[in-house]
C-alpha atoms as a PDB file:
ATOM      1  CA  MET A   1     -22.283  13.552 -57.917  1.00  0.00           C
ATOM      2  CA  VAL A   2     -19.314  15.931 -57.624  1.00  0.00           C
ATOM      3  CA  GLY A   3     -21.598  18.533 -56.067  1.00  0.00           C
ATOM      4  CA  LYS A   4     -22.697  16.042 -53.425  1.00  0.00           C
ATOM      5  CA  ILE A   5     -19.070  15.166 -52.646  1.00  0.00           C
ATOM      6  CA  ILE A   6     -18.210  18.861 -52.289  1.00  0.00           C
ATOM      7  CA  HIS A   7     -21.201  19.437 -49.991  1.00  0.00           C
ATOM      8  CA  LEU A   8     -20.290  16.549 -47.661  1.00  0.00           C
ATOM      9  CA  ARG A   9     -16.667  17.661 -47.549  1.00  0.00           C
ATOM     10  CA  GLN A  10     -17.330  21.356 -46.970  1.00  0.00           C
ATOM     11  CA  HIS A  11     -20.187  21.072 -44.491  1.00  0.00           C
ATOM     12  CA  TYR A  12     -19.327  17.893 -42.588  1.00  0.00           C
ATOM     13  CA  HIS A  13     -15.585  17.449 -43.231  1.00  0.00           C
ATOM     14  CA  PHE A  14     -16.200  13.806 -44.219  1.00  0.00           C
ATOM     15  CA  GLY A  15     -13.355  11.725 -45.588  1.00  0.00           C
ATOM     16  CA  PRO A  16     -13.608   9.418 -48.639  1.00  0.00           C
ATOM     17  CA  ASN A  17     -14.900   6.422 -46.636  1.00  0.00           C
ATOM     18  CA  LYS A  18     -17.765   8.327 -45.041  1.00  0.00           C
ATOM     19  CA  ILE A  19     -18.622  10.104 -48.311  1.00  0.00           C
ATOM     20  CA  GLN A  20     -18.782   6.708 -50.038  1.00  0.00           C
ATOM     21  CA  MET A  21     -21.230   5.420 -47.386  1.00  0.00           C
ATOM     22  CA  TYR A  22     -23.507   8.455 -47.755  1.00  0.00           C
ATOM     23  CA  LEU A  23     -23.546   8.369 -51.550  1.00  0.00           C
ATOM     24  CA  LYS A  24     -24.465   4.676 -51.536  1.00  0.00           C
ATOM     25  CA  ARG A  25     -27.102   4.907 -48.813  1.00  0.00           C
ATOM     26  CA  TYR A  26     -28.888   8.120 -49.770  1.00  0.00           C
ATOM     27  CA  HIS A  27     -28.253   8.540 -53.494  1.00  0.00           C
ATOM     28  CA  ASP A  28     -27.645   4.958 -54.691  1.00  0.00           C
ATOM     29  CA  ILE A  29     -24.331   6.131 -56.163  1.00  0.00           C
ATOM     30  CA  GLU A  30     -21.456   3.675 -56.100  1.00  0.00           C
ATOM     31  CA  ILE A  31     -17.942   5.073 -56.355  1.00  0.00           C
ATOM     32  CA  SER A  32     -14.658   3.859 -54.908  1.00  0.00           C
ATOM     33  CA  THR A  33     -12.944   5.728 -52.093  1.00  0.00           C
ATOM     34  CA  SER A  34      -9.938   6.203 -54.358  1.00  0.00           C
ATOM     35  CA  GLY A  35     -12.208   7.823 -56.948  1.00  0.00           C
ATOM     36  CA  ILE A  36     -13.584  10.190 -54.310  1.00  0.00           C
ATOM     37  CA  TRP A  37     -10.055  11.013 -53.162  1.00  0.00           C
ATOM     38  CA  ARG A  38      -9.021  11.865 -56.744  1.00  0.00           C
ATOM     39  CA  ILE A  39     -11.997  14.214 -57.072  1.00  0.00           C
ATOM     40  CA  LEU A  40     -11.114  15.914 -53.784  1.00  0.00           C
ATOM     41  CA  LYS A  41      -7.478  16.204 -54.830  1.00  0.00           C
ATOM     42  CA  ARG A  42      -8.412  17.705 -58.207  1.00  0.00           C
ATOM     43  CA  LEU A  43     -10.510  20.304 -56.382  1.00  0.00           C
ATOM     44  CA  ASP A  44      -7.710  20.917 -53.854  1.00  0.00           C
ATOM     45  CA  MET A  45      -9.987  19.639 -51.070  1.00  0.00           C
ATOM     46  CA  ASN A  46      -8.056  16.497 -50.156  1.00  0.00           C
ATOM     47  CA  ARG A  47      -6.573  18.064 -46.992  1.00  0.00           C
ATOM     48  CA  LEU A  48      -8.633  19.802 -44.359  1.00  0.00           C
ATOM     49  CA  PRO A  49      -7.338  22.949 -42.665  1.00  0.00           C
ATOM     50  CA  ALA A  50      -5.114  22.082 -39.705  1.00  0.00           C
ATOM     51  CA  SER A  51      -7.725  23.333 -37.215  1.00  0.00           C
ATOM     52  CA  GLN A  52     -10.259  20.825 -38.564  1.00  0.00           C
ATOM     53  CA  ARG A  53      -8.077  17.711 -38.651  1.00  0.00           C
ATOM     54  CA  HIS A  54      -8.338  14.988 -36.061  1.00  0.00           C
ATOM     55  CA  LYS A  55      -5.310  15.011 -33.775  1.00  0.00           C
ATOM     56  CA  ARG A  56      -3.852  11.513 -33.838  1.00  0.00           C
ATOM     57  CA  THR A  57      -2.160  10.115 -30.760  1.00  0.00           C
ATOM     58  CA  ALA A  58       1.086   8.170 -30.837  1.00  0.00           C
ATOM     59  CA  THR A  59      -0.502   5.176 -29.092  1.00  0.00           C
ATOM     60  CA  LYS A  60      -3.407   3.305 -30.649  1.00  0.00           C
ATOM     61  CA  TRP A  61      -5.784   1.439 -28.373  1.00  0.00           C
ATOM     62  CA  LYS A  62      -7.819  -1.579 -29.373  1.00  0.00           C
ATOM     63  CA  ARG A  63     -11.520  -1.118 -28.709  1.00  0.00           C
ATOM     64  CA  TYR A  64     -13.631  -4.063 -27.641  1.00  0.00           C
ATOM     65  CA  GLU A  65     -17.281  -4.394 -28.539  1.00  0.00           C
ATOM     66  CA  LYS A  66     -19.875  -6.183 -26.437  1.00  0.00           C
ATOM     67  CA  GLN A  67     -21.868  -8.790 -28.307  1.00  0.00           C
ATOM     68  CA  ARG A  68     -25.372  -8.182 -26.957  1.00  0.00           C
ATOM     69  CA  PRO A  69     -27.418  -4.995 -26.572  1.00  0.00           C
ATOM     70  CA  GLY A  70     -27.618  -3.713 -23.019  1.00  0.00           C
ATOM     71  CA  HIS A  71     -24.526  -5.452 -21.704  1.00  0.00           C
ATOM     72  CA  ALA A  72     -22.712  -2.137 -21.168  1.00  0.00           C
ATOM     73  CA  LEU A  73     -23.586   1.552 -21.376  1.00  0.00           C
ATOM     74  CA  GLN A  74     -20.968   4.316 -21.411  1.00  0.00           C
ATOM     75  CA  VAL A  75     -22.136   7.610 -19.875  1.00  0.00           C
ATOM     76  CA  ASP A  76     -20.365  10.969 -19.902  1.00  0.00           C
ATOM     77  CA  VAL A  77     -20.960  14.723 -19.977  1.00  0.00           C
ATOM     78  CA  LYS A  78     -20.006  17.128 -22.771  1.00  0.00           C
ATOM     79  CA  PHE A  79     -19.361  20.689 -21.629  1.00  0.00           C
ATOM     80  CA  ILE A  80     -20.883  23.110 -24.121  1.00  0.00           C
ATOM     81  CA  GLU A  81     -19.456  26.527 -24.919  1.00  0.00           C
ATOM     82  CA  PRO A  82     -21.268  29.028 -22.619  1.00  0.00           C
ATOM     83  CA  VAL A  83     -24.002  31.117 -24.228  1.00  0.00           C
ATOM     84  CA  THR A  84     -23.972  34.897 -23.785  1.00  0.00           C
ATOM     85  CA  THR A  85     -27.541  36.105 -23.370  1.00  0.00           C
ATOM     86  CA  PRO A  86     -28.798  39.479 -24.687  1.00  0.00           C
ATOM     87  CA  GLU A  87     -28.542  40.723 -21.090  1.00  0.00           C
ATOM     88  CA  GLY A  88     -24.828  39.878 -21.086  1.00  0.00           C
ATOM     89  CA  ARG A  89     -25.078  36.844 -18.798  1.00  0.00           C
ATOM     90  CA  ARG A  90     -22.908  33.781 -19.478  1.00  0.00           C
ATOM     91  CA  LYS A  91     -25.136  30.724 -19.279  1.00  0.00           C
ATOM     92  CA  LYS A  92     -23.750  27.192 -19.171  1.00  0.00           C
ATOM     93  CA  TYR A  93     -25.293  24.061 -20.671  1.00  0.00           C
ATOM     94  CA  TYR A  94     -24.249  20.423 -20.360  1.00  0.00           C
ATOM     95  CA  GLN A  95     -24.932  17.544 -22.721  1.00  0.00           C
ATOM     96  CA  TYR A  96     -25.405  14.241 -20.905  1.00  0.00           C
ATOM     97  CA  THR A  97     -24.722  11.300 -23.201  1.00  0.00           C
ATOM     98  CA  ALA A  98     -25.310   7.556 -22.961  1.00  0.00           C
ATOM     99  CA  ILE A  99     -24.048   5.229 -25.697  1.00  0.00           C
ATOM    100  CA  GLU A 100     -24.713   1.494 -25.794  1.00  0.00           C
ATOM    101  CA  ASP A 101     -21.548  -0.501 -26.427  1.00  0.00           C
ATOM    102  CA  CYS A 102     -22.831  -3.127 -28.884  1.00  0.00           C
ATOM    103  CA  THR A 103     -25.125  -1.063 -31.125  1.00  0.00           C
ATOM    104  CA  ARG A 104     -23.782   2.504 -30.559  1.00  0.00           C
ATOM    105  CA  LEU A 105     -27.386   3.565 -29.929  1.00  0.00           C
ATOM    106  CA  ARG A 106     -27.326   6.894 -28.072  1.00  0.00           C
ATOM    107  CA  VAL A 107     -29.572   8.896 -25.758  1.00  0.00           C
ATOM    108  CA  LEU A 108     -28.806  12.619 -25.348  1.00  0.00           C
ATOM    109  CA  ARG A 109     -30.158  15.349 -23.094  1.00  0.00           C
ATOM    110  CA  ILE A 110     -29.270  18.993 -22.401  1.00  0.00           C
ATOM    111  CA  TYR A 111     -29.340  20.375 -18.863  1.00  0.00           C
ATOM    112  CA  ASP A 112     -28.452  23.735 -17.360  1.00  0.00           C
ATOM    113  CA  LYS A 113     -27.256  22.046 -14.146  1.00  0.00           C
ATOM    114  CA  HIS A 114     -24.396  19.622 -13.569  1.00  0.00           C
ATOM    115  CA  ASP A 115     -24.646  17.539 -10.412  1.00  0.00           C
ATOM    116  CA  GLN A 116     -25.647  14.112  -9.086  1.00  0.00           C
ATOM    117  CA  LYS A 117     -29.356  14.964  -9.113  1.00  0.00           C
ATOM    118  CA  THR A 118     -29.086  15.820 -12.801  1.00  0.00           C
ATOM    119  CA  ALA A 119     -27.116  12.643 -13.556  1.00  0.00           C
ATOM    120  CA  ILE A 120     -29.734  10.528 -11.760  1.00  0.00           C
ATOM    121  CA  SER A 121     -32.547  12.254 -13.666  1.00  0.00           C
ATOM    122  CA  PHE A 122     -30.694  11.603 -16.927  1.00  0.00           C
ATOM    123  CA  MET A 123     -30.250   7.892 -16.145  1.00  0.00           C
ATOM    124  CA  ASP A 124     -33.972   7.520 -15.414  1.00  0.00           C
ATOM    125  CA  TYR A 125     -34.645   9.183 -18.773  1.00  0.00           C
ATOM    126  CA  VAL A 126     -32.166   6.851 -20.530  1.00  0.00           C
ATOM    127  CA  LEU A 127     -33.572   3.667 -18.997  1.00  0.00           C
ATOM    128  CA  ALA A 128     -37.103   4.685 -20.025  1.00  0.00           C
ATOM    129  CA  ARG A 129     -35.963   5.340 -23.604  1.00  0.00           C
ATOM    130  CA  LEU A 130     -33.829   2.296 -24.377  1.00  0.00           C
ATOM    131  CA  PRO A 131     -35.641  -0.763 -25.816  1.00  0.00           C
ATOM    132  CA  PHE A 132     -33.612  -3.287 -23.787  1.00  0.00           C
ATOM    133  CA  GLN A 133     -32.492  -3.987 -20.234  1.00  0.00           C
ATOM    134  CA  VAL A 134     -29.219  -2.323 -19.196  1.00  0.00           C
ATOM    135  CA  GLU A 135     -26.849  -4.553 -17.217  1.00  0.00           C
ATOM    136  CA  LYS A 136     -23.913  -2.230 -16.556  1.00  0.00           C
ATOM    137  CA  VAL A 137     -23.179   1.510 -16.667  1.00  0.00           C
ATOM    138  CA  GLN A 138     -19.617   2.766 -17.015  1.00  0.00           C
ATOM    139  CA  THR A 139     -18.574   6.332 -16.119  1.00  0.00           C
ATOM    140  CA  ASP A 140     -15.534   8.356 -15.200  1.00  0.00           C
ATOM    141  CA  ASN A 141     -14.953   9.496 -11.614  1.00  0.00           C
ATOM    142  CA  GLY A 142     -16.711  12.861 -11.949  1.00  0.00           C
ATOM    143  CA  ALA A 143     -18.525  14.327  -8.950  1.00  0.00           C
ATOM    144  CA  GLU A 144     -21.864  13.871 -10.739  1.00  0.00           C
ATOM    145  CA  PHE A 145     -21.370  10.078 -10.759  1.00  0.00           C
ATOM    146  CA  GLN A 146     -20.552   9.553  -7.074  1.00  0.00           C
ATOM    147  CA  SER A 147     -22.411   7.766  -4.267  1.00  0.00           C
ATOM    148  CA  GLY A 148     -25.973   9.000  -4.900  1.00  0.00           C
ATOM    149  CA  PHE A 149     -25.758   8.120  -8.590  1.00  0.00           C
ATOM    150  CA  HIS A 150     -23.928   4.855  -7.837  1.00  0.00           C
ATOM    151  CA  TRP A 151     -26.511   3.561  -5.374  1.00  0.00           C
ATOM    152  CA  HIS A 152     -29.414   4.707  -7.540  1.00  0.00           C
ATOM    153  CA  LEU A 153     -28.218   2.304 -10.235  1.00  0.00           C
ATOM    154  CA  LEU A 154     -27.458  -0.537  -7.820  1.00  0.00           C
ATOM    155  CA  ASP A 155     -30.963  -0.216  -6.357  1.00  0.00           C
ATOM    156  CA  GLN A 156     -32.304  -0.931  -9.843  1.00  0.00           C
ATOM    157  CA  GLY A 157     -30.125  -4.005 -10.279  1.00  0.00           C
ATOM    158  CA  ILE A 158     -27.697  -2.252 -12.627  1.00  0.00           C
ATOM    159  CA  ASN A 159     -23.978  -2.589 -12.026  1.00  0.00           C
ATOM    160  CA  HIS A 160     -22.010   0.695 -11.999  1.00  0.00           C
ATOM    161  CA  VAL A 161     -18.269   0.716 -12.631  1.00  0.00           C
ATOM    162  CA  TYR A 162     -15.763   3.568 -12.738  1.00  0.00           C
ATOM    163  CA  ILE A 163     -12.960   3.729 -15.290  1.00  0.00           C
ATOM    164  CA  ARG A 164      -9.461   4.252 -13.952  1.00  0.00           C
ATOM    165  CA  PRO A 165      -8.571   7.928 -13.360  1.00  0.00           C
ATOM    166  CA  ALA A 166      -6.918   9.731 -16.315  1.00  0.00           C
ATOM    167  CA  THR A 167      -7.884   6.975 -18.792  1.00  0.00           C
ATOM    168  CA  PRO A 168     -10.651   8.484 -20.978  1.00  0.00           C
ATOM    169  CA  ARG A 169      -9.833   5.878 -23.659  1.00  0.00           C
ATOM    170  CA  LEU A 170     -11.681   3.339 -21.481  1.00  0.00           C
ATOM    171  CA  ASN A 171     -14.833   5.304 -22.255  1.00  0.00           C
ATOM    172  CA  GLY A 172     -13.677   5.639 -25.846  1.00  0.00           C
ATOM    173  CA  LYS A 173     -17.032   5.181 -27.561  1.00  0.00           C
ATOM    174  CA  VAL A 174     -18.736   8.031 -25.733  1.00  0.00           C
ATOM    175  CA  GLU A 175     -15.621  10.214 -26.095  1.00  0.00           C
ATOM    176  CA  ARG A 176     -15.589   9.568 -29.858  1.00  0.00           C
ATOM    177  CA  SER A 177     -19.311  10.276 -30.123  1.00  0.00           C
ATOM    178  CA  HIS A 178     -18.740  13.671 -28.488  1.00  0.00           C
ATOM    179  CA  ARG A 179     -16.218  14.510 -31.185  1.00  0.00           C
ATOM    180  CA  ILE A 180     -18.845  13.601 -33.786  1.00  0.00           C
ATOM    181  CA  ASP A 181     -21.291  15.940 -32.008  1.00  0.00           C
ATOM    182  CA  SER A 182     -18.761  18.767 -32.249  1.00  0.00           C
ATOM    183  CA  GLU A 183     -18.049  18.135 -35.933  1.00  0.00           C
ATOM    184  CA  GLU A 184     -21.548  17.376 -37.236  1.00  0.00           C
ATOM    185  CA  PHE A 185     -23.961  19.105 -34.853  1.00  0.00           C
ATOM    186  CA  TYR A 186     -22.501  21.957 -32.802  1.00  0.00           C
ATOM    187  CA  ARG A 187     -20.263  23.253 -35.582  1.00  0.00           C
ATOM    188  CA  LEU A 188     -23.350  23.710 -37.782  1.00  0.00           C
ATOM    189  CA  LEU A 189     -25.002  25.693 -34.970  1.00  0.00           C
ATOM    190  CA  ASP A 190     -22.095  28.138 -34.941  1.00  0.00           C
ATOM    191  CA  GLY A 191     -23.516  31.635 -34.655  1.00  0.00           C
ATOM    192  CA  VAL A 192     -26.974  30.389 -33.595  1.00  0.00           C
ATOM    193  CA  MET A 193     -27.697  31.359 -29.998  1.00  0.00           C
ATOM    194  CA  ILE A 194     -30.034  28.978 -28.145  1.00  0.00           C
ATOM    195  CA  ASP A 195     -30.748  30.192 -24.619  1.00  0.00           C
ATOM    196  CA  ASP A 196     -33.645  27.872 -23.851  1.00  0.00           C
ATOM    197  CA  THR A 197     -33.241  24.333 -22.489  1.00  0.00           C
ATOM    198  CA  GLY A 198     -36.457  23.104 -24.127  1.00  0.00           C
ATOM    199  CA  LEU A 199     -35.529  24.454 -27.562  1.00  0.00           C
ATOM    200  CA  PHE A 200     -31.968  23.157 -27.167  1.00  0.00           C
ATOM    201  CA  ASN A 201     -33.332  19.680 -26.407  1.00  0.00           C
ATOM    202  CA  ASP A 202     -35.644  19.837 -29.423  1.00  0.00           C
ATOM    203  CA  LYS A 203     -32.633  20.484 -31.675  1.00  0.00           C
ATOM    204  CA  LEU A 204     -30.608  17.804 -29.908  1.00  0.00           C
ATOM    205  CA  GLN A 205     -33.468  15.300 -30.276  1.00  0.00           C
ATOM    206  CA  GLU A 206     -33.439  15.832 -34.027  1.00  0.00           C
ATOM    207  CA  TRP A 207     -29.698  15.151 -34.058  1.00  0.00           C
ATOM    208  CA  GLU A 208     -30.103  12.068 -31.835  1.00  0.00           C
ATOM    209  CA  ASN A 209     -32.750  10.640 -34.177  1.00  0.00           C
ATOM    210  CA  TYR A 210     -30.542  11.263 -37.179  1.00  0.00           C
ATOM    211  CA  TYR A 211     -27.546   9.651 -35.452  1.00  0.00           C
ATOM    212  CA  ASN A 212     -29.499   6.544 -34.392  1.00  0.00           C
ATOM    213  CA  TYR A 213     -31.679   5.969 -37.446  1.00  0.00           C
ATOM    214  CA  GLN A 214     -30.027   7.536 -40.482  1.00  0.00           C
ATOM    215  CA  ARG A 215     -26.317   8.192 -40.001  1.00  0.00           C
ATOM    216  CA  PRO A 216     -24.140   5.333 -41.321  1.00  0.00           C
ATOM    217  CA  HIS A 217     -21.494   4.403 -38.768  1.00  0.00           C
ATOM    218  CA  GLY A 218     -18.001   3.492 -39.932  1.00  0.00           C
ATOM    219  CA  ALA A 219     -17.368   1.156 -36.974  1.00  0.00           C
ATOM    220  CA  LEU A 220     -20.615  -0.681 -37.808  1.00  0.00           C
ATOM    221  CA  GLY A 221     -19.665  -1.281 -41.437  1.00  0.00           C
ATOM    222  CA  GLY A 222     -21.991   1.449 -42.706  1.00  0.00           C
ATOM    223  CA  GLN A 223     -24.999   0.372 -40.621  1.00  0.00           C
ATOM    224  CA  THR A 224     -26.910   2.774 -38.426  1.00  0.00           C
ATOM    225  CA  PRO A 225     -27.127   1.976 -34.688  1.00  0.00           C
ATOM    226  CA  TYR A 226     -30.790   1.029 -35.126  1.00  0.00           C
ATOM    227  CA  GLU A 227     -29.952  -1.326 -37.981  1.00  0.00           C
ATOM    228  CA  ARG A 228     -27.307  -2.976 -35.790  1.00  0.00           C
ATOM    229  CA  LEU A 229     -29.867  -3.292 -32.994  1.00  0.00           C
ATOM    230  CA  LYS A 230     -32.326  -5.046 -35.317  1.00  0.00           C
ATOM    231  CA  GLN A 231     -29.564  -7.344 -36.551  1.00  0.00           C
ATOM    232  CA  LYS A 232     -28.510  -8.287 -33.013  1.00  0.00           C
ATOM    233  CA  THR A 233     -32.035  -8.851 -31.702  1.00  0.00           C
ATOM    234  CA  LYS A 234     -32.870 -11.143 -34.644  1.00  0.00           C
ATOM    235  CA  ALA A 235     -29.734 -13.236 -34.135  1.00  0.00           C
END
């Protein structure tokens, strides 16, 4: 058990609550969070290096959760560290992300372009993947989400709303999910160069499946997004 705690702490930087969820779900081990904290403290692993700690803000914002799947979808773009090819070129990739408000179910896709045409293509991909009707899409005011994207959604009977400028907290669920991507996906790819959109998407698809079907979510009480979806659709 101690070895499993060390592994989750070292490789994923999980805290006691998340370690407790993983031990229960995947190893049928029940241990209190205080017990995990004592083990970490004894091993001098109770505090992460400063560079790996979450930076807390002075103001805390209350997040609201929609009560039915499909009511609202938050969409955003994660800018990925440019890849230097063997020829010395700097190549940019962009992760387009959609997260459903109620279930936290996500759809991810990597592109090597960042414009309205790409955003429209991504939304068509998202709508084909999700197992429910989307009523509203919420984005920031980025150039990729302007008139062409806006009217593409309206033509499909989907409302599109912009958050207020300089208020990323209003898209807090997708912003938080991007931090999870950095901590649990991209950090583990450190030193691995992927200069191929297809291969990059294969890796990202594996991560998306893990996030949706296997990863316990603290905000969902330890459920996975798919488990929350099943719960909501049965209700």
